[in-house]
Protein backbone atom coordinates (compact mmCIF):
# COMPACT_ATOMS: atom_id res chain seq x y z
CA MET A 1 93.95 -39.64 155.80
CA ALA A 2 94.50 -39.90 152.02
CA TYR A 3 96.86 -36.89 152.09
CA LEU A 4 98.74 -38.45 155.08
CA GLY A 5 99.11 -41.71 153.16
CA VAL A 6 100.48 -39.92 150.07
CA ALA A 7 102.92 -37.90 152.19
CA LEU A 8 104.10 -41.07 153.97
CA PHE A 9 104.59 -42.82 150.63
CA VAL A 10 106.59 -39.88 149.20
CA GLY A 11 108.71 -39.71 152.40
CA VAL A 12 109.52 -43.37 152.28
CA TYR A 13 110.35 -43.26 148.55
CA LEU A 14 112.75 -40.24 149.07
CA ILE A 15 114.50 -42.00 151.93
CA TRP A 16 114.88 -45.12 149.82
CA PHE A 17 115.95 -43.14 146.74
CA TYR A 18 118.82 -41.34 148.45
CA TRP A 19 119.90 -44.48 150.36
CA ASN A 20 119.99 -46.46 147.11
CA ARG A 21 121.78 -43.63 145.30
CA ALA A 22 124.47 -43.51 148.05
CA ARG A 23 124.90 -47.25 147.79
CA LYS A 24 125.24 -47.10 143.95
CA LEU A 25 127.81 -44.28 144.27
CA ARG A 26 129.96 -46.40 146.57
CA GLU A 27 129.67 -49.39 144.22
CA ALA A 28 130.68 -47.30 141.19
CA GLY A 29 133.70 -45.77 142.96
CA GLY A 30 132.46 -42.24 143.26
CA GLU A 31 130.23 -39.59 141.60
CA ASP A 32 132.20 -39.37 138.37
CA GLU A 33 132.15 -43.04 137.69
CA PHE A 34 128.45 -43.27 138.65
CA GLY A 35 127.66 -40.45 136.29
CA GLN A 36 129.61 -42.16 133.46
CA ARG A 37 127.59 -45.31 134.04
CA ILE A 38 124.38 -43.32 133.58
CA TRP A 39 125.72 -41.77 130.38
CA ARG A 40 126.75 -45.16 129.04
CA ARG A 41 123.16 -46.33 129.60
CA GLN A 42 121.58 -43.21 128.05
CA PHE A 43 123.65 -43.25 124.89
CA GLY A 44 124.28 -47.04 124.52
CA LEU A 45 128.03 -46.67 124.92
CA ALA A 46 130.46 -49.55 125.20
CA PRO A 47 131.67 -50.80 128.62
CA GLY A 48 134.33 -48.42 129.88
CA GLU A 49 133.61 -45.77 127.24
CA ARG A 50 133.47 -42.25 128.74
CA MET A 51 131.35 -39.29 127.71
CA LEU A 52 133.55 -36.17 127.25
CA GLN A 53 131.11 -33.56 125.93
CA TYR A 54 127.29 -33.37 126.33
CA PHE A 55 124.89 -30.98 124.59
CA ASN A 56 121.19 -30.39 124.52
CA ALA A 57 119.29 -31.04 121.28
CA GLU A 58 115.81 -31.49 119.85
CA MET A 59 114.71 -33.69 116.91
CA TYR A 60 113.55 -31.74 113.85
CA ILE A 61 110.02 -32.31 112.57
CA GLY A 62 108.63 -30.38 109.67
CA PRO A 63 108.39 -30.16 105.84
CA LEU A 64 112.13 -30.70 105.29
CA ARG A 65 111.74 -34.25 106.68
CA PRO A 66 108.20 -35.48 105.88
CA ASP A 67 109.38 -39.09 106.47
CA VAL A 68 109.76 -38.49 110.21
CA SER A 69 107.05 -35.91 110.71
CA PRO A 70 103.32 -36.23 111.64
CA SER A 71 100.99 -36.38 108.66
CA THR A 72 98.64 -33.58 107.68
CA THR A 73 95.70 -35.46 109.09
CA GLU A 74 97.52 -35.94 112.44
CA ARG A 75 98.32 -32.27 112.53
CA VAL A 76 94.68 -31.28 111.78
CA LEU A 77 93.36 -33.57 114.46
CA SER A 78 95.89 -32.32 116.91
CA ALA A 79 95.03 -28.71 116.21
CA MET A 80 91.34 -29.51 116.66
CA ALA A 81 92.14 -30.99 120.03
CA GLY A 82 94.18 -27.91 120.95
CA HIS A 83 97.58 -29.57 120.87
CA GLY A 84 100.71 -28.85 118.88
CA TYR A 85 103.80 -30.83 117.96
CA ARG A 86 107.40 -30.51 118.81
CA GLY A 87 110.36 -32.71 118.07
CA ALA A 88 111.40 -35.17 120.68
CA LEU A 89 113.92 -33.81 123.17
CA ALA A 90 117.40 -35.25 122.52
CA ALA A 91 121.04 -35.05 123.60
CA VAL A 92 124.30 -35.49 121.78
CA ALA A 93 127.65 -36.54 123.19
CA LEU A 94 131.23 -37.01 122.09
CA THR A 95 133.17 -39.78 123.80
CA ASP A 96 136.72 -40.66 124.60
CA ARG A 97 136.69 -43.25 121.75
CA GLY A 98 136.13 -40.62 119.09
CA ARG A 99 132.46 -41.42 118.72
CA LEU A 100 129.29 -39.31 118.36
CA ALA A 101 126.26 -40.57 120.21
CA ILE A 102 122.62 -39.34 120.12
CA ALA A 103 119.94 -40.10 122.67
CA ILE A 104 116.19 -39.33 122.35
CA GLU A 105 113.56 -38.87 125.05
CA GLN A 106 111.76 -42.04 126.01
CA GLY A 107 108.54 -42.99 124.20
CA GLU A 108 106.17 -45.85 123.60
CA ASP A 109 108.86 -48.41 122.83
CA THR A 110 110.96 -47.64 125.92
CA THR A 111 111.44 -50.84 127.95
CA LEU A 112 110.02 -51.23 131.44
CA GLU A 113 113.58 -51.73 132.76
CA ASP A 114 114.59 -48.33 131.34
CA ARG A 115 111.49 -46.64 132.76
CA VAL A 116 112.19 -48.09 136.18
CA ALA A 117 115.83 -46.87 136.01
CA ASN A 118 114.53 -43.27 136.07
CA TYR A 119 112.95 -43.80 139.43
CA THR A 120 115.99 -45.44 140.91
CA GLY A 121 118.30 -42.58 139.88
CA GLU A 122 120.07 -44.56 137.16
CA GLY A 123 118.24 -43.16 134.19
CA MET A 124 117.83 -39.70 132.62
CA GLY A 125 114.64 -40.23 130.65
CA MET A 126 116.32 -40.91 127.34
CA ASP A 127 117.11 -43.95 125.18
CA PRO A 128 120.01 -44.51 122.70
CA LEU A 129 119.18 -43.47 119.20
CA ALA A 130 122.45 -43.65 117.22
CA ILE A 131 126.21 -44.05 117.67
CA TYR A 132 128.63 -43.03 114.89
CA GLY A 133 132.23 -44.20 114.95
CA SER A 134 134.81 -44.64 112.23
CA PRO A 135 134.58 -43.83 109.43
CA LYS A 136 132.69 -40.77 110.53
CA PRO A 137 129.32 -39.65 109.13
CA SER A 138 128.65 -36.47 107.24
CA VAL A 139 127.60 -33.68 109.63
CA ARG A 140 126.43 -30.54 107.84
CA ARG A 141 124.50 -27.40 108.62
CA GLY A 142 120.86 -27.52 107.70
CA GLU A 143 121.05 -24.47 105.45
CA GLN A 144 123.74 -26.27 103.43
CA VAL A 145 121.76 -29.50 102.99
CA PHE A 146 118.38 -27.85 102.29
CA ALA A 147 119.73 -24.81 100.52
CA GLY A 148 117.03 -22.89 98.62
CA ASP A 149 114.11 -24.79 100.19
CA PRO A 150 111.29 -22.24 100.68
CA LYS A 151 110.15 -24.12 103.73
CA TYR A 152 113.47 -23.85 105.54
CA PRO A 153 112.70 -22.60 109.07
CA ALA A 154 113.45 -18.97 109.83
CA THR A 155 115.82 -18.16 112.67
CA THR A 156 112.85 -17.24 114.92
CA GLN A 157 111.47 -20.74 114.31
CA ALA A 158 114.45 -22.50 115.80
CA PRO A 159 114.01 -23.86 119.34
CA LEU A 160 114.89 -21.28 121.99
CA ARG A 161 116.19 -23.30 124.91
CA PRO A 162 119.05 -23.22 127.53
CA GLY A 163 122.38 -24.85 126.48
CA MET A 164 124.70 -26.72 128.77
CA ASP A 165 126.45 -23.43 129.47
CA GLY A 166 123.29 -22.13 131.03
CA ARG A 167 122.59 -19.51 128.31
CA VAL A 168 119.32 -19.46 126.38
CA ALA A 169 119.91 -19.42 122.64
CA ARG A 170 118.43 -20.41 119.34
CA PHE A 171 119.47 -23.90 118.38
CA HIS A 172 121.20 -24.70 115.07
CA LEU A 173 119.90 -27.23 112.55
CA LEU A 174 122.32 -30.06 111.68
CA HIS A 175 121.94 -32.97 109.29
CA VAL A 176 123.74 -36.28 110.07
CA GLU A 177 124.02 -38.73 107.28
CA SER A 178 125.79 -42.09 106.71
CA PRO A 179 125.43 -44.56 103.87
CA HIS A 180 123.45 -47.35 105.54
CA ALA A 181 121.32 -45.60 108.15
CA GLN A 182 118.41 -43.25 108.16
CA PRO A 183 119.61 -39.63 108.19
CA ILE A 184 118.98 -37.61 111.31
CA THR A 185 118.05 -33.91 111.18
CA ILE A 186 118.43 -32.37 114.61
CA TRP A 187 118.47 -29.02 116.41
CA VAL A 188 121.59 -28.63 118.57
CA GLU A 189 122.60 -25.92 120.91
CA PRO A 190 125.25 -23.51 119.41
CA LEU A 191 128.29 -24.83 121.20
CA GLY A 192 127.22 -28.39 120.51
CA ALA A 193 126.72 -27.63 116.75
CA GLU A 194 130.22 -26.31 116.48
CA ALA A 195 131.64 -29.27 118.40
CA LEU A 196 129.88 -31.81 116.12
CA LEU A 197 130.95 -30.02 112.95
CA ASN A 198 134.56 -29.90 114.14
CA TRP A 199 134.39 -33.57 115.11
CA ALA A 200 133.15 -34.55 111.70
CA ARG A 201 135.89 -32.50 109.94
CA GLN A 202 138.67 -34.23 111.78
CA HIS A 203 139.57 -37.07 109.42
CA GLY A 204 135.85 -37.17 108.55
CA SER A 205 134.19 -39.39 105.97
CA ALA A 206 130.74 -40.82 105.57
CA GLY A 207 130.34 -43.82 107.80
CA LEU A 208 127.78 -46.18 109.22
CA ALA A 209 125.63 -45.55 112.31
CA GLU A 210 126.63 -48.45 114.58
CA THR A 211 123.36 -48.47 116.58
CA ARG A 212 120.03 -47.04 115.62
CA ARG A 213 116.54 -47.09 117.10
CA GLU A 214 113.70 -47.53 114.57
CA PRO A 215 111.73 -45.61 113.70
CA LEU A 216 112.63 -41.97 114.23
CA ARG A 217 109.51 -40.51 115.78
CA TRP A 218 108.00 -37.16 116.50
CA THR A 219 106.63 -36.41 119.97
CA ALA A 220 103.40 -34.59 120.70
CA ALA A 221 103.82 -31.52 122.89
CA GLU A 222 101.26 -30.89 125.59
């Protein structure tokens, strides 16, 4: 009977989910507009702002950024428990208003409203982390920023994950910095890394992160 109850619950939820999604699609004016509404929520974009390019990413944790990495004690305790650490999953986007946005996977300080949105089909499991507008921030390759550091990760230590083009590749380390915001060091898929570097070079200058979630946090990997 317990299995029957679970199956019934799942069936009712799926029926409601797809009915609700169809209703939201109609209200938004189609799939494209509905998708843009989800991106606006994920990245904290302005009303009417549209996401043009989207790339997979992962927050860097490690000796290059001890300020946003787990402590030695936390690492030892985690190793004793049989766990490791990885950076939080992230995403980067370029918008039609010439802005760069970064989102990070949801964590302890995610609101209940945002958690519920995932179950209603209006969330993607990420929260806004930062938005950079004009003047633009400095976006540089990690090897340029941390040149000569003996603890710089080897190529084989870079995350090996699928990009938005479907190909599995080693991600590239980028460092995003503006005068009045905590710098962000982030792994980005190859195509995304090139897109962000090109974006920053176009009339680029160090600017202020318009929105930022505090603090930058690491995420424990299971």
